[in-house]
Amino acid sequence: MQVEQLAESHTLAEKTGLGTNNLHKFIEQIFPGPYTAYSNRLITGDYMREDPLFQIDLALKDCRHMLQLAEHSGTVVGNLQVVKQHLEAVKAERGEKGDFAAVYGAVRKESGLPFDNR
């Protein structure tokens, strides 16, 4: 869900004129570590790589498993439902070459931008 939030934030930053680089600088200061690494992958277009770091089918499998756990335990996980929709959009757009980080492309496309930011 971390990547979903970054994808939505970067899309908003681009569409409002704040700019993804300004948002990235903020993320570097407030959320160092994996957030900064994924933020960098998004703004550089690394989510479009030929050899995914986290293959989309594995991400979908994990997401479905978490949704099943939530259903069985009676837990509401609205964000995870959105993630699943975006993962499915990545699969439709990129096929087996889709990377988990490409939820950014799905959010971009859903918001009227091109899937690929390169």
PDB file of N, CA and C in Angstrom:
ATOM      1  N   MET A   1       0.814  -1.185   0.000  1.00  0.00           N
ATOM      2  CA  MET A   1       0.000   0.000   0.000  1.00  0.00           C
ATOM      3  C   MET A   1       0.860   1.253   0.000  1.00  0.00           C
ATOM      4  N   GLN A   2       2.098   1.125   0.425  1.00  0.00           N
ATOM      5  CA  GLN A   2       3.027   2.248   0.399  1.00  0.00           C
ATOM      6  C   GLN A   2       3.183   2.779  -1.019  1.00  0.00           C
ATOM      7  N   VAL A   3       3.332   1.890  -1.977  1.00  0.00           N
ATOM      8  CA  VAL A   3       3.524   2.319  -3.370  1.00  0.00           C
ATOM      9  C   VAL A   3       2.255   2.975  -3.897  1.00  0.00           C
ATOM     10  N   GLU A   4       1.100   2.494  -3.495  1.00  0.00           N
ATOM     11  CA  GLU A   4      -0.172   3.115  -3.896  1.00  0.00           C
ATOM     12  C   GLU A   4      -0.216   4.565  -3.439  1.00  0.00           C
ATOM     13  N   GLN A   5       0.146   4.802  -2.185  1.00  0.00           N
ATOM     14  CA  GLN A   5       0.118   6.167  -1.663  1.00  0.00           C
ATOM     15  C   GLN A   5       1.128   7.059  -2.379  1.00  0.00           C
ATOM     16  N   LEU A   6       2.306   6.518  -2.660  1.00  0.00           N
ATOM     17  CA  LEU A   6       3.299   7.286  -3.409  1.00  0.00           C
ATOM     18  C   LEU A   6       2.802   7.579  -4.823  1.00  0.00           C
ATOM     19  N   ALA A   7       2.184   6.590  -5.458  1.00  0.00           N
ATOM     20  CA  ALA A   7       1.677   6.771  -6.822  1.00  0.00           C
ATOM     21  C   ALA A   7       0.620   7.868  -6.870  1.00  0.00           C
ATOM     22  N   GLU A   8      -0.300   7.835  -5.926  1.00  0.00           N
ATOM     23  CA  GLU A   8      -1.342   8.853  -5.885  1.00  0.00           C
ATOM     24  C   GLU A   8      -0.745  10.228  -5.588  1.00  0.00           C
ATOM     25  N   SER A   9       0.199  10.289  -4.668  1.00  0.00           N
ATOM     26  CA  SER A   9       0.812  11.567  -4.293  1.00  0.00           C
ATOM     27  C   SER A   9       1.605  12.170  -5.451  1.00  0.00           C
ATOM     28  N   HIS A  10       2.374  11.348  -6.138  1.00  0.00           N
ATOM     29  CA  HIS A  10       3.159  11.850  -7.276  1.00  0.00           C
ATOM     30  C   HIS A  10       2.248  12.282  -8.429  1.00  0.00           C
ATOM     31  N   THR A  11       1.179  11.564  -8.636  1.00  0.00           N
ATOM     32  CA  THR A  11       0.233  11.961  -9.685  1.00  0.00           C
ATOM     33  C   THR A  11      -0.407  13.297  -9.336  1.00  0.00           C
ATOM     34  N   LEU A  12      -0.821  13.448  -8.097  1.00  0.00           N
ATOM     35  CA  LEU A  12      -1.395  14.716  -7.648  1.00  0.00           C
ATOM     36  C   LEU A  12      -0.373  15.847  -7.774  1.00  0.00           C
ATOM     37  N   ALA A  13       0.867  15.583  -7.370  1.00  0.00           N
ATOM     38  CA  ALA A  13       1.909  16.609  -7.459  1.00  0.00           C
ATOM     39  C   ALA A  13       2.131  17.048  -8.904  1.00  0.00           C
ATOM     40  N   GLU A  14       2.108  16.099  -9.825  1.00  0.00           N
ATOM     41  CA  GLU A  14       2.292  16.442 -11.234  1.00  0.00           C
ATOM     42  C   GLU A  14       1.111  17.243 -11.764  1.00  0.00           C
ATOM     43  N   LYS A  15      -0.078  16.794 -11.460  1.00  0.00           N
ATOM     44  CA  LYS A  15      -1.272  17.429 -12.021  1.00  0.00           C
ATOM     45  C   LYS A  15      -1.550  18.814 -11.418  1.00  0.00           C
ATOM     46  N   THR A  16      -1.095  19.066 -10.199  1.00  0.00           N
ATOM     47  CA  THR A  16      -1.362  20.361  -9.566  1.00  0.00           C
ATOM     48  C   THR A  16      -0.241  21.371  -9.777  1.00  0.00           C
ATOM     49  N   GLY A  17       0.862  20.924 -10.362  1.00  0.00           N
ATOM     50  CA  GLY A  17       1.976  21.838 -10.602  1.00  0.00           C
ATOM     51  C   GLY A  17       3.000  21.873  -9.480  1.00  0.00           C
ATOM     52  N   LEU A  18       2.764  21.147  -8.392  1.00  0.00           N
ATOM     53  CA  LEU A  18       3.761  21.073  -7.319  1.00  0.00           C
ATOM     54  C   LEU A  18       5.054  20.472  -7.863  1.00  0.00           C
ATOM     55  N   GLY A  19       4.901  19.442  -8.687  1.00  0.00           N
ATOM     56  CA  GLY A  19       6.052  18.787  -9.296  1.00  0.00           C
ATOM     57  C   GLY A  19       6.505  17.573  -8.506  1.00  0.00           C
ATOM     58  N   THR A  20       6.823  16.532  -9.234  1.00  0.00           N
ATOM     59  CA  THR A  20       7.233  15.292  -8.582  1.00  0.00           C
ATOM     60  C   THR A  20       8.596  15.422  -7.912  1.00  0.00           C
ATOM     61  N   ASN A  21       9.467  16.262  -8.442  1.00  0.00           N
ATOM     62  CA  ASN A  21      10.777  16.438  -7.797  1.00  0.00           C
ATOM     63  C   ASN A  21      10.640  17.116  -6.443  1.00  0.00           C
ATOM     64  N   ASN A  22       9.749  18.098  -6.335  1.00  0.00           N
ATOM     65  CA  ASN A  22       9.522  18.748  -5.041  1.00  0.00           C
ATOM     66  C   ASN A  22       8.947  17.767  -4.035  1.00  0.00           C
ATOM     67  N   LEU A  23       7.997  16.956  -4.471  1.00  0.00           N
ATOM     68  CA  LEU A  23       7.441  15.943  -3.574  1.00  0.00           C
ATOM     69  C   LEU A  23       8.518  14.951  -3.163  1.00  0.00           C
ATOM     70  N   HIS A  24       9.352  14.539  -4.112  1.00  0.00           N
ATOM     71  CA  HIS A  24      10.417  13.587  -3.807  1.00  0.00           C
ATOM     72  C   HIS A  24      11.364  14.149  -2.740  1.00  0.00           C
ATOM     73  N   LYS A  25      11.702  15.419  -2.840  1.00  0.00           N
ATOM     74  CA  LYS A  25      12.577  16.042  -1.829  1.00  0.00           C
ATOM     75  C   LYS A  25      11.939  15.990  -0.444  1.00  0.00           C
ATOM     76  N   PHE A  26      10.636  16.220  -0.396  1.00  0.00           N
ATOM     77  CA  PHE A  26       9.904  16.126   0.869  1.00  0.00           C
ATOM     78  C   PHE A  26       9.957  14.692   1.407  1.00  0.00           C
ATOM     79  N   ILE A  27       9.715  13.727   0.543  1.00  0.00           N
ATOM     80  CA  ILE A  27       9.738  12.313   0.948  1.00  0.00           C
ATOM     81  C   ILE A  27      11.120  11.933   1.473  1.00  0.00           C
ATOM     82  N   GLU A  28      12.173  12.407   0.805  1.00  0.00           N
ATOM     83  CA  GLU A  28      13.539  12.124   1.261  1.00  0.00           C
ATOM     84  C   GLU A  28      13.759  12.607   2.694  1.00  0.00           C
ATOM     85  N   GLN A  29      13.193  13.765   3.033  1.00  0.00           N
ATOM     86  CA  GLN A  29      13.391  14.345   4.359  1.00  0.00           C
ATOM     87  C   GLN A  29      12.532  13.677   5.434  1.00  0.00           C
ATOM     88  N   ILE A  30      11.304  13.332   5.077  1.00  0.00           N
ATOM     89  CA  ILE A  30      10.349  12.836   6.073  1.00  0.00           C
ATOM     90  C   ILE A  30      10.304  11.310   6.150  1.00  0.00           C
ATOM     91  N   PHE A  31      10.433  10.639   5.003  1.00  0.00           N
ATOM     92  CA  PHE A  31      10.296   9.182   4.924  1.00  0.00           C
ATOM     93  C   PHE A  31      11.502   8.550   4.228  1.00  0.00           C
ATOM     94  N   PRO A  32      12.688   8.620   4.813  1.00  0.00           N
ATOM     95  CA  PRO A  32      13.852   8.013   4.159  1.00  0.00           C
ATOM     96  C   PRO A  32      13.712   6.489   4.107  1.00  0.00           C
ATOM     97  N   GLY A  33      14.570   5.869   3.347  1.00  0.00           N
ATOM     98  CA  GLY A  33      14.543   4.412   3.244  1.00  0.00           C
ATOM     99  C   GLY A  33      13.697   3.944   2.076  1.00  0.00           C
ATOM    100  N   PRO A  34      12.822   2.951   2.304  1.00  0.00           N
ATOM    101  CA  PRO A  34      12.080   2.362   1.193  1.00  0.00           C
ATOM    102  C   PRO A  34      11.139   3.350   0.492  1.00  0.00           C
ATOM    103  N   TYR A  35      10.574   4.298   1.242  1.00  0.00           N
ATOM    104  CA  TYR A  35       9.692   5.275   0.599  1.00  0.00           C
ATOM    105  C   TYR A  35      10.475   6.092  -0.427  1.00  0.00           C
ATOM    106  N   THR A  36      11.661   6.539  -0.038  1.00  0.00           N
ATOM    107  CA  THR A  36      12.497   7.320  -0.950  1.00  0.00           C
ATOM    108  C   THR A  36      12.920   6.473  -2.146  1.00  0.00           C
ATOM    109  N   ALA A  37      13.270   5.218  -1.902  1.00  0.00           N
ATOM    110  CA  ALA A  37      13.692   4.346  -3.003  1.00  0.00           C
ATOM    111  C   ALA A  37      12.559   4.144  -4.003  1.00  0.00           C
ATOM    112  N   TYR A  38      11.357   3.880  -3.517  1.00  0.00           N
ATOM    113  CA  TYR A  38      10.224   3.701  -4.426  1.00  0.00           C
ATOM    114  C   TYR A  38       9.837   5.010  -5.095  1.00  0.00           C
ATOM    115  N   SER A  39       9.905   6.104  -4.367  1.00  0.00           N
ATOM    116  CA  SER A  39       9.617   7.404  -4.963  1.00  0.00           C
ATOM    117  C   SER A  39      10.555   7.650  -6.143  1.00  0.00           C
ATOM    118  N   ASN A  40      11.819   7.337  -5.956  1.00  0.00           N
ATOM    119  CA  ASN A  40      12.799   7.495  -7.032  1.00  0.00           C
ATOM    120  C   ASN A  40      12.471   6.603  -8.226  1.00  0.00           C
ATOM    121  N   ARG A  41      12.064   5.377  -7.956  1.00  0.00           N
ATOM    122  CA  ARG A  41      11.687   4.466  -9.051  1.00  0.00           C
ATOM    123  C   ARG A  41      10.531   5.054  -9.859  1.00  0.00           C
ATOM    124  N   LEU A  42       9.587   5.683  -9.183  1.00  0.00           N
ATOM    125  CA  LEU A  42       8.434   6.240  -9.877  1.00  0.00           C
ATOM    126  C   LEU A  42       8.831   7.427 -10.738  1.00  0.00           C
ATOM    127  N   ILE A  43       9.532   8.388 -10.160  1.00  0.00           N
ATOM    128  CA  ILE A  43       9.809   9.612 -10.907  1.00  0.00           C
ATOM    129  C   ILE A  43      10.825   9.408 -12.028  1.00  0.00           C
ATOM    130  N   THR A  44      11.643   8.363 -11.938  1.00  0.00           N
ATOM    131  CA  THR A  44      12.619   8.106 -13.003  1.00  0.00           C
ATOM    132  C   THR A  44      12.080   7.189 -14.098  1.00  0.00           C
ATOM    133  N   GLY A  45      10.869   6.664 -13.912  1.00  0.00           N
ATOM    134  CA  GLY A  45      10.299   5.754 -14.903  1.00  0.00           C
ATOM    135  C   GLY A  45      10.765   4.321 -14.756  1.00  0.00           C
ATOM    136  N   ASP A  46      11.450   4.025 -13.652  1.00  0.00           N
ATOM    137  CA  ASP A  46      11.965   2.666 -13.434  1.00  0.00           C
ATOM    138  C   ASP A  46      10.857   1.646 -13.233  1.00  0.00           C
ATOM    139  N   TYR A  47       9.636   2.094 -13.035  1.00  0.00           N
ATOM    140  CA  TYR A  47       8.504   1.168 -12.916  1.00  0.00           C
ATOM    141  C   TYR A  47       8.153   0.530 -14.263  1.00  0.00           C
ATOM    142  N   MET A  48       8.763   1.012 -15.346  1.00  0.00           N
ATOM    143  CA  MET A  48       8.515   0.485 -16.691  1.00  0.00           C
ATOM    144  C   MET A  48       9.613  -0.481 -17.139  1.00  0.00           C
ATOM    145  N   ARG A  49      10.429  -0.940 -16.244  1.00  0.00           N
ATOM    146  CA  ARG A  49      11.551  -1.817 -16.591  1.00  0.00           C
ATOM    147  C   ARG A  49      11.083  -3.091 -17.284  1.00  0.00           C
ATOM    148  N   GLU A  50      11.951  -3.665 -18.105  1.00  0.00           N
ATOM    149  CA  GLU A  50      11.647  -4.916 -18.819  1.00  0.00           C
ATOM    150  C   GLU A  50      11.619  -6.118 -17.886  1.00  0.00           C
ATOM    151  N   ASP A  51      12.515  -6.125 -16.916  1.00  0.00           N
ATOM    152  CA  ASP A  51      12.576  -7.228 -15.949  1.00  0.00           C
ATOM    153  C   ASP A  51      12.098  -6.709 -14.599  1.00  0.00           C
ATOM    154  N   PRO A  52      10.840  -6.982 -14.251  1.00  0.00           N
ATOM    155  CA  PRO A  52      10.281  -6.422 -13.022  1.00  0.00           C
ATOM    156  C   PRO A  52      11.027  -6.884 -11.773  1.00  0.00           C
ATOM    157  N   LEU A  53      11.087  -5.997 -10.800  1.00  0.00           N
ATOM    158  CA  LEU A  53      11.678  -6.356  -9.507  1.00  0.00           C
ATOM    159  C   LEU A  53      10.697  -7.171  -8.676  1.00  0.00           C
ATOM    160  N   PHE A  54       9.416  -6.843  -8.772  1.00  0.00           N
ATOM    161  CA  PHE A  54       8.364  -7.607  -8.095  1.00  0.00           C
ATOM    162  C   PHE A  54       7.267  -7.820  -9.127  1.00  0.00           C
ATOM    163  N   GLN A  55       7.280  -8.996  -9.724  1.00  0.00           N
ATOM    164  CA  GLN A  55       6.419  -9.336 -10.858  1.00  0.00           C
ATOM    165  C   GLN A  55       4.942  -9.214 -10.506  1.00  0.00           C
ATOM    166  N   ILE A  56       4.169  -8.690 -11.423  1.00  0.00           N
ATOM    167  CA  ILE A  56       2.775  -8.346 -11.189  1.00  0.00           C
ATOM    168  C   ILE A  56       1.922  -9.537 -10.750  1.00  0.00           C
ATOM    169  N   ASP A  57       2.167 -10.703 -11.319  1.00  0.00           N
ATOM    170  CA  ASP A  57       1.371 -11.868 -10.920  1.00  0.00           C
ATOM    171  C   ASP A  57       1.599 -12.235  -9.457  1.00  0.00           C
ATOM    172  N   LEU A  58       2.832 -12.066  -8.983  1.00  0.00           N
ATOM    173  CA  LEU A  58       3.107 -12.334  -7.561  1.00  0.00           C
ATOM    174  C   LEU A  58       2.440 -11.284  -6.677  1.00  0.00           C
ATOM    175  N   ALA A  59       2.471 -10.035  -7.118  1.00  0.00           N
ATOM    176  CA  ALA A  59       1.817  -8.979  -6.358  1.00  0.00           C
ATOM    177  C   ALA A  59       0.304  -9.221  -6.278  1.00  0.00           C
ATOM    178  N   LEU A  60      -0.290  -9.629  -7.400  1.00  0.00           N
ATOM    179  CA  LEU A  60      -1.725  -9.933  -7.406  1.00  0.00           C
ATOM    180  C   LEU A  60      -2.054 -11.105  -6.494  1.00  0.00           C
ATOM    181  N   LYS A  61      -1.218 -12.129  -6.517  1.00  0.00           N
ATOM    182  CA  LYS A  61      -1.430 -13.294  -5.650  1.00  0.00           C
ATOM    183  C   LYS A  61      -1.402 -12.868  -4.186  1.00  0.00           C
ATOM    184  N   ASP A  62      -0.409 -12.095  -3.809  1.00  0.00           N
ATOM    185  CA  ASP A  62      -0.305 -11.624  -2.426  1.00  0.00           C
ATOM    186  C   ASP A  62      -1.491 -10.744  -2.049  1.00  0.00           C
ATOM    187  N   CYS A  63      -1.898  -9.891  -2.969  1.00  0.00           N
ATOM    188  CA  CYS A  63      -3.028  -8.998  -2.709  1.00  0.00           C
ATOM    189  C   CYS A  63      -4.311  -9.798  -2.501  1.00  0.00           C
ATOM    190  N   ARG A  64      -4.552 -10.769  -3.360  1.00  0.00           N
ATOM    191  CA  ARG A  64      -5.754 -11.609  -3.206  1.00  0.00           C
ATOM    192  C   ARG A  64      -5.731 -12.358  -1.878  1.00  0.00           C
ATOM    193  N   HIS A  65      -4.551 -12.833  -1.481  1.00  0.00           N
ATOM    194  CA  HIS A  65      -4.431 -13.542  -0.202  1.00  0.00           C
ATOM    195  C   HIS A  65      -4.761 -12.604   0.967  1.00  0.00           C
ATOM    196  N   MET A  66      -4.237 -11.392   0.932  1.00  0.00           N
ATOM    197  CA  MET A  66      -4.530 -10.431   2.004  1.00  0.00           C
ATOM    198  C   MET A  66      -6.011 -10.080   2.041  1.00  0.00           C
ATOM    199  N   LEU A  67      -6.628  -9.946   0.863  1.00  0.00           N
ATOM    200  CA  LEU A  67      -8.063  -9.659   0.814  1.00  0.00           C
ATOM    201  C   LEU A  67      -8.875 -10.813   1.392  1.00  0.00           C
ATOM    202  N   GLN A  68      -8.433 -12.027   1.122  1.00  0.00           N
ATOM    203  CA  GLN A  68      -9.116 -13.202   1.669  1.00  0.00           C
ATOM    204  C   GLN A  68      -8.990 -13.234   3.196  1.00  0.00           C
ATOM    205  N   LEU A  69      -7.802 -12.936   3.702  1.00  0.00           N
ATOM    206  CA  LEU A  69      -7.612 -12.873   5.153  1.00  0.00           C
ATOM    207  C   LEU A  69      -8.514 -11.800   5.766  1.00  0.00           C
ATOM    208  N   ALA A  70      -8.595 -10.662   5.109  1.00  0.00           N
ATOM    209  CA  ALA A  70      -9.440  -9.576   5.606  1.00  0.00           C
ATOM    210  C   ALA A  70     -10.902  -9.997   5.624  1.00  0.00           C
ATOM    211  N   GLU A  71     -11.342 -10.639   4.566  1.00  0.00           N
ATOM    212  CA  GLU A  71     -12.741 -11.080   4.496  1.00  0.00           C
ATOM    213  C   GLU A  71     -13.048 -12.074   5.605  1.00  0.00           C
ATOM    214  N   HIS A  72     -12.167 -13.035   5.788  1.00  0.00           N
ATOM    215  CA  HIS A  72     -12.395 -14.067   6.812  1.00  0.00           C
ATOM    216  C   HIS A  72     -12.357 -13.507   8.234  1.00  0.00           C
ATOM    217  N   SER A  73     -11.618 -12.422   8.412  1.00  0.00           N
ATOM    218  CA  SER A  73     -11.526 -11.854   9.755  1.00  0.00           C
ATOM    219  C   SER A  73     -12.501 -10.699   9.974  1.00  0.00           C
ATOM    220  N   GLY A  74     -13.248 -10.348   8.929  1.00  0.00           N
ATOM    221  CA  GLY A  74     -14.210  -9.258   9.052  1.00  0.00           C
ATOM    222  C   GLY A  74     -13.569  -7.889   9.103  1.00  0.00           C
ATOM    223  N   THR A  75     -12.426  -7.751   8.444  1.00  0.00           N
ATOM    224  CA  THR A  75     -11.699  -6.487   8.438  1.00  0.00           C
ATOM    225  C   THR A  75     -11.958  -5.733   7.134  1.00  0.00           C
ATOM    226  N   VAL A  76     -12.231  -4.449   7.248  1.00  0.00           N
ATOM    227  CA  VAL A  76     -12.434  -3.601   6.074  1.00  0.00           C
ATOM    228  C   VAL A  76     -11.078  -3.058   5.627  1.00  0.00           C
ATOM    229  N   VAL A  77     -10.719  -3.324   4.380  1.00  0.00           N
ATOM    230  CA  VAL A  77      -9.429  -2.881   3.842  1.00  0.00           C
ATOM    231  C   VAL A  77      -9.661  -2.176   2.495  1.00  0.00           C
ATOM    232  N   GLY A  78     -10.263  -1.004   2.556  1.00  0.00           N
ATOM    233  CA  GLY A  78     -10.593  -0.253   1.357  1.00  0.00           C
ATOM    234  C   GLY A  78      -9.386   0.077   0.496  1.00  0.00           C
ATOM    235  N   ASN A  79      -8.278   0.457   1.129  1.00  0.00           N
ATOM    236  CA  ASN A  79      -7.076   0.772   0.355  1.00  0.00           C
ATOM    237  C   ASN A  79      -6.591  -0.436  -0.435  1.00  0.00           C
ATOM    238  N   LEU A  80      -6.691  -1.598   0.153  1.00  0.00           N
ATOM    239  CA  LEU A  80      -6.241  -2.810  -0.522  1.00  0.00           C
ATOM    240  C   LEU A  80      -7.119  -3.133  -1.726  1.00  0.00           C
ATOM    241  N   GLN A  81      -8.396  -2.806  -1.646  1.00  0.00           N
ATOM    242  CA  GLN A  81      -9.285  -2.986  -2.802  1.00  0.00           C
ATOM    243  C   GLN A  81      -8.826  -2.101  -3.967  1.00  0.00           C
ATOM    244  N   VAL A  82      -8.439  -0.876  -3.653  1.00  0.00           N
ATOM    245  CA  VAL A  82      -7.939   0.045  -4.676  1.00  0.00           C
ATOM    246  C   VAL A  82      -6.622  -0.471  -5.256  1.00  0.00           C
ATOM    247  N   VAL A  83      -5.748  -0.957  -4.402  1.00  0.00           N
ATOM    248  CA  VAL A  83      -4.479  -1.524  -4.871  1.00  0.00           C
ATOM    249  C   VAL A  83      -4.748  -2.663  -5.852  1.00  0.00           C
ATOM    250  N   LYS A  84      -5.685  -3.533  -5.517  1.00  0.00           N
ATOM    251  CA  LYS A  84      -6.010  -4.653  -6.403  1.00  0.00           C
ATOM    252  C   LYS A  84      -6.478  -4.158  -7.770  1.00  0.00           C
ATOM    253  N   GLN A  85      -7.317  -3.148  -7.792  1.00  0.00           N
ATOM    254  CA  GLN A  85      -7.773  -2.587  -9.078  1.00  0.00           C
ATOM    255  C   GLN A  85      -6.601  -2.054  -9.888  1.00  0.00           C
ATOM    256  N   HIS A  86      -5.678  -1.397  -9.225  1.00  0.00           N
ATOM    257  CA  HIS A  86      -4.525  -0.843  -9.935  1.00  0.00           C
ATOM    258  C   HIS A  86      -3.566  -1.946 -10.386  1.00  0.00           C
ATOM    259  N   LEU A  87      -3.398  -2.981  -9.576  1.00  0.00           N
ATOM    260  CA  LEU A  87      -2.568  -4.114  -9.999  1.00  0.00           C
ATOM    261  C   LEU A  87      -3.168  -4.782 -11.240  1.00  0.00           C
ATOM    262  N   GLU A  88      -4.478  -4.931 -11.255  1.00  0.00           N
ATOM    263  CA  GLU A  88      -5.144  -5.512 -12.428  1.00  0.00           C
ATOM    264  C   GLU A  88      -4.966  -4.624 -13.653  1.00  0.00           C
ATOM    265  N   ALA A  89      -4.971  -3.318 -13.451  1.00  0.00           N
ATOM    266  CA  ALA A  89      -4.738  -2.391 -14.568  1.00  0.00           C
ATOM    267  C   ALA A  89      -3.308  -2.517 -15.084  1.00  0.00           C
ATOM    268  N   VAL A  90      -2.358  -2.716 -14.191  1.00  0.00           N
ATOM    269  CA  VAL A  90      -0.960  -2.930 -14.601  1.00  0.00           C
ATOM    270  C   VAL A  90      -0.862  -4.204 -15.430  1.00  0.00           C
ATOM    271  N   LYS A  91      -1.503  -5.264 -14.963  1.00  0.00           N
ATOM    272  CA  LYS A  91      -1.484  -6.542 -15.689  1.00  0.00           C
ATOM    273  C   LYS A  91      -2.065  -6.364 -17.091  1.00  0.00           C
ATOM    274  N   ALA A  92      -3.156  -5.605 -17.206  1.00  0.00           N
ATOM    275  CA  ALA A  92      -3.778  -5.373 -18.512  1.00  0.00           C
ATOM    276  C   ALA A  92      -2.864  -4.547 -19.416  1.00  0.00           C
ATOM    277  N   GLU A  93      -2.152  -3.615 -18.853  1.00  0.00           N
ATOM    278  CA  GLU A  93      -1.290  -2.710 -19.633  1.00  0.00           C
ATOM    279  C   GLU A  93       0.037  -3.353 -20.011  1.00  0.00           C
ATOM    280  N   ARG A  94       0.660  -4.066 -19.067  1.00  0.00           N
ATOM    281  CA  ARG A  94       2.033  -4.543 -19.255  1.00  0.00           C
ATOM    282  C   ARG A  94       2.164  -6.065 -19.345  1.00  0.00           C
ATOM    283  N   GLY A  95       1.091  -6.797 -19.031  1.00  0.00           N
ATOM    284  CA  GLY A  95       1.182  -8.252 -19.061  1.00  0.00           C
ATOM    285  C   GLY A  95       2.141  -8.760 -17.997  1.00  0.00           C
ATOM    286  N   GLU A  96       2.830  -9.842 -18.300  1.00  0.00           N
ATOM    287  CA  GLU A  96       3.759 -10.455 -17.344  1.00  0.00           C
ATOM    288  C   GLU A  96       4.951  -9.567 -17.014  1.00  0.00           C
ATOM    289  N   LYS A  97       5.222  -8.583 -17.842  1.00  0.00           N
ATOM    290  CA  LYS A  97       6.355  -7.676 -17.609  1.00  0.00           C
ATOM    291  C   LYS A  97       6.014  -6.581 -16.613  1.00  0.00           C
ATOM    292  N   GLY A  98       4.771  -6.576 -16.127  1.00  0.00           N
ATOM    293  CA  GLY A  98       4.371  -5.551 -15.174  1.00  0.00           C
ATOM    294  C   GLY A  98       5.098  -5.698 -13.848  1.00  0.00           C
ATOM    295  N   ASP A  99       5.437  -4.575 -13.270  1.00  0.00           N
ATOM    296  CA  ASP A  99       6.108  -4.516 -11.982  1.00  0.00           C
ATOM    297  C   ASP A  99       5.137  -3.921 -10.958  1.00  0.00           C
ATOM    298  N   PHE A 100       5.225  -4.357  -9.739  1.00  0.00           N
ATOM    299  CA  PHE A 100       4.376  -3.838  -8.669  1.00  0.00           C
ATOM    300  C   PHE A 100       4.380  -2.308  -8.639  1.00  0.00           C
ATOM    301  N   ALA A 101       5.535  -1.705  -8.835  1.00  0.00           N
ATOM    302  CA  ALA A 101       5.650  -0.246  -8.792  1.00  0.00           C
ATOM    303  C   ALA A 101       4.874   0.435  -9.913  1.00  0.00           C
ATOM    304  N   ALA A 102       4.477  -0.321 -10.912  1.00  0.00           N
ATOM    305  CA  ALA A 102       3.732   0.261 -12.033  1.00  0.00           C
ATOM    306  C   ALA A 102       2.300   0.621 -11.661  1.00  0.00           C
ATOM    307  N   VAL A 103       1.914   0.425 -10.407  1.00  0.00           N
ATOM    308  CA  VAL A 103       0.626   0.980  -9.991  1.00  0.00           C
ATOM    309  C   VAL A 103       0.643   2.485 -10.226  1.00  0.00           C
ATOM    310  N   TYR A 104       1.829   3.068 -10.234  1.00  0.00           N
ATOM    311  CA  TYR A 104       1.972   4.485 -10.554  1.00  0.00           C
ATOM    312  C   TYR A 104       1.416   4.764 -11.955  1.00  0.00           C
ATOM    313  N   GLY A 105       1.764   3.920 -12.910  1.00  0.00           N
ATOM    314  CA  GLY A 105       1.236   4.085 -14.263  1.00  0.00           C
ATOM    315  C   GLY A 105      -0.270   3.957 -14.296  1.00  0.00           C
ATOM    316  N   ALA A 106      -0.808   3.030 -13.521  1.00  0.00           N
ATOM    317  CA  ALA A 106      -2.264   2.841 -13.475  1.00  0.00           C
ATOM    318  C   ALA A 106      -2.950   4.074 -12.895  1.00  0.00           C
ATOM    319  N   VAL A 107      -2.392   4.632 -11.837  1.00  0.00           N
ATOM    320  CA  VAL A 107      -2.965   5.839 -11.233  1.00  0.00           C
ATOM    321  C   VAL A 107      -2.846   7.011 -12.202  1.00  0.00           C
ATOM    322  N   ARG A 108      -1.706   7.116 -12.859  1.00  0.00           N
ATOM    323  CA  ARG A 108      -1.512   8.188 -13.844  1.00  0.00           C
ATOM    324  C   ARG A 108      -2.568   8.088 -14.946  1.00  0.00           C
ATOM    325  N   LYS A 109      -2.723   6.898 -15.481  1.00  0.00           N
ATOM    326  CA  LYS A 109      -3.684   6.699 -16.575  1.00  0.00           C
ATOM    327  C   LYS A 109      -5.110   6.996 -16.117  1.00  0.00           C
ATOM    328  N   GLU A 110      -5.460   6.534 -14.952  1.00  0.00           N
ATOM    329  CA  GLU A 110      -6.780   6.773 -14.380  1.00  0.00           C
ATOM    330  C   GLU A 110      -7.041   8.277 -14.180  1.00  0.00           C
ATOM    331  N   SER A 111      -5.952   9.028 -14.016  1.00  0.00           N
ATOM    332  CA  SER A 111      -6.048  10.475 -13.770  1.00  0.00           C
ATOM    333  C   SER A 111      -5.853  11.308 -15.035  1.00  0.00           C
ATOM    334  N   GLY A 112      -5.807  10.657 -16.192  1.00  0.00           N
ATOM    335  CA  GLY A 112      -5.731  11.381 -17.462  1.00  0.00           C
ATOM    336  C   GLY A 112      -4.323  11.636 -17.967  1.00  0.00           C
ATOM    337  N   LEU A 113      -3.319  11.027 -17.347  1.00  0.00           N
ATOM    338  CA  LEU A 113      -1.938  11.139 -17.815  1.00  0.00           C
ATOM    339  C   LEU A 113      -1.547   9.854 -18.539  1.00  0.00           C
ATOM    340  N   PRO A 114      -0.468   9.876 -19.319  1.00  0.00           N
ATOM    341  CA  PRO A 114       0.007   8.629 -19.923  1.00  0.00           C
ATOM    342  C   PRO A 114       0.485   7.652 -18.848  1.00  0.00           C
ATOM    343  N   PHE A 115       0.330   6.367 -19.106  1.00  0.00           N
ATOM    344  CA  PHE A 115       0.798   5.327 -18.176  1.00  0.00           C
ATOM    345  C   PHE A 115       2.297   5.481 -17.931  1.00  0.00           C
ATOM    346  N   ASP A 116       3.049   5.685 -18.971  1.00  0.00           N
ATOM    347  CA  ASP A 116       4.512   5.778 -18.940  1.00  0.00           C
ATOM    348  C   ASP A 116       4.916   7.235 -18.772  1.00  0.00           C
ATOM    349  N   ASN A 117       5.731   7.540 -17.781  1.00  0.00           N
ATOM    350  CA  ASN A 117       6.162   8.922 -17.570  1.00  0.00           C
ATOM    351  C   ASN A 117       7.527   9.219 -18.172  1.00  0.00           C
ATOM    352  N   ARG A 118       8.083   8.296 -18.938  1.00  0.00           N
ATOM    353  CA  ARG A 118       9.421   8.548 -19.505  1.00  0.00           C
ATOM    354  C   ARG A 118       9.327   9.431 -20.711  1.00  0.00           C
TER     355      ARG A 118
END
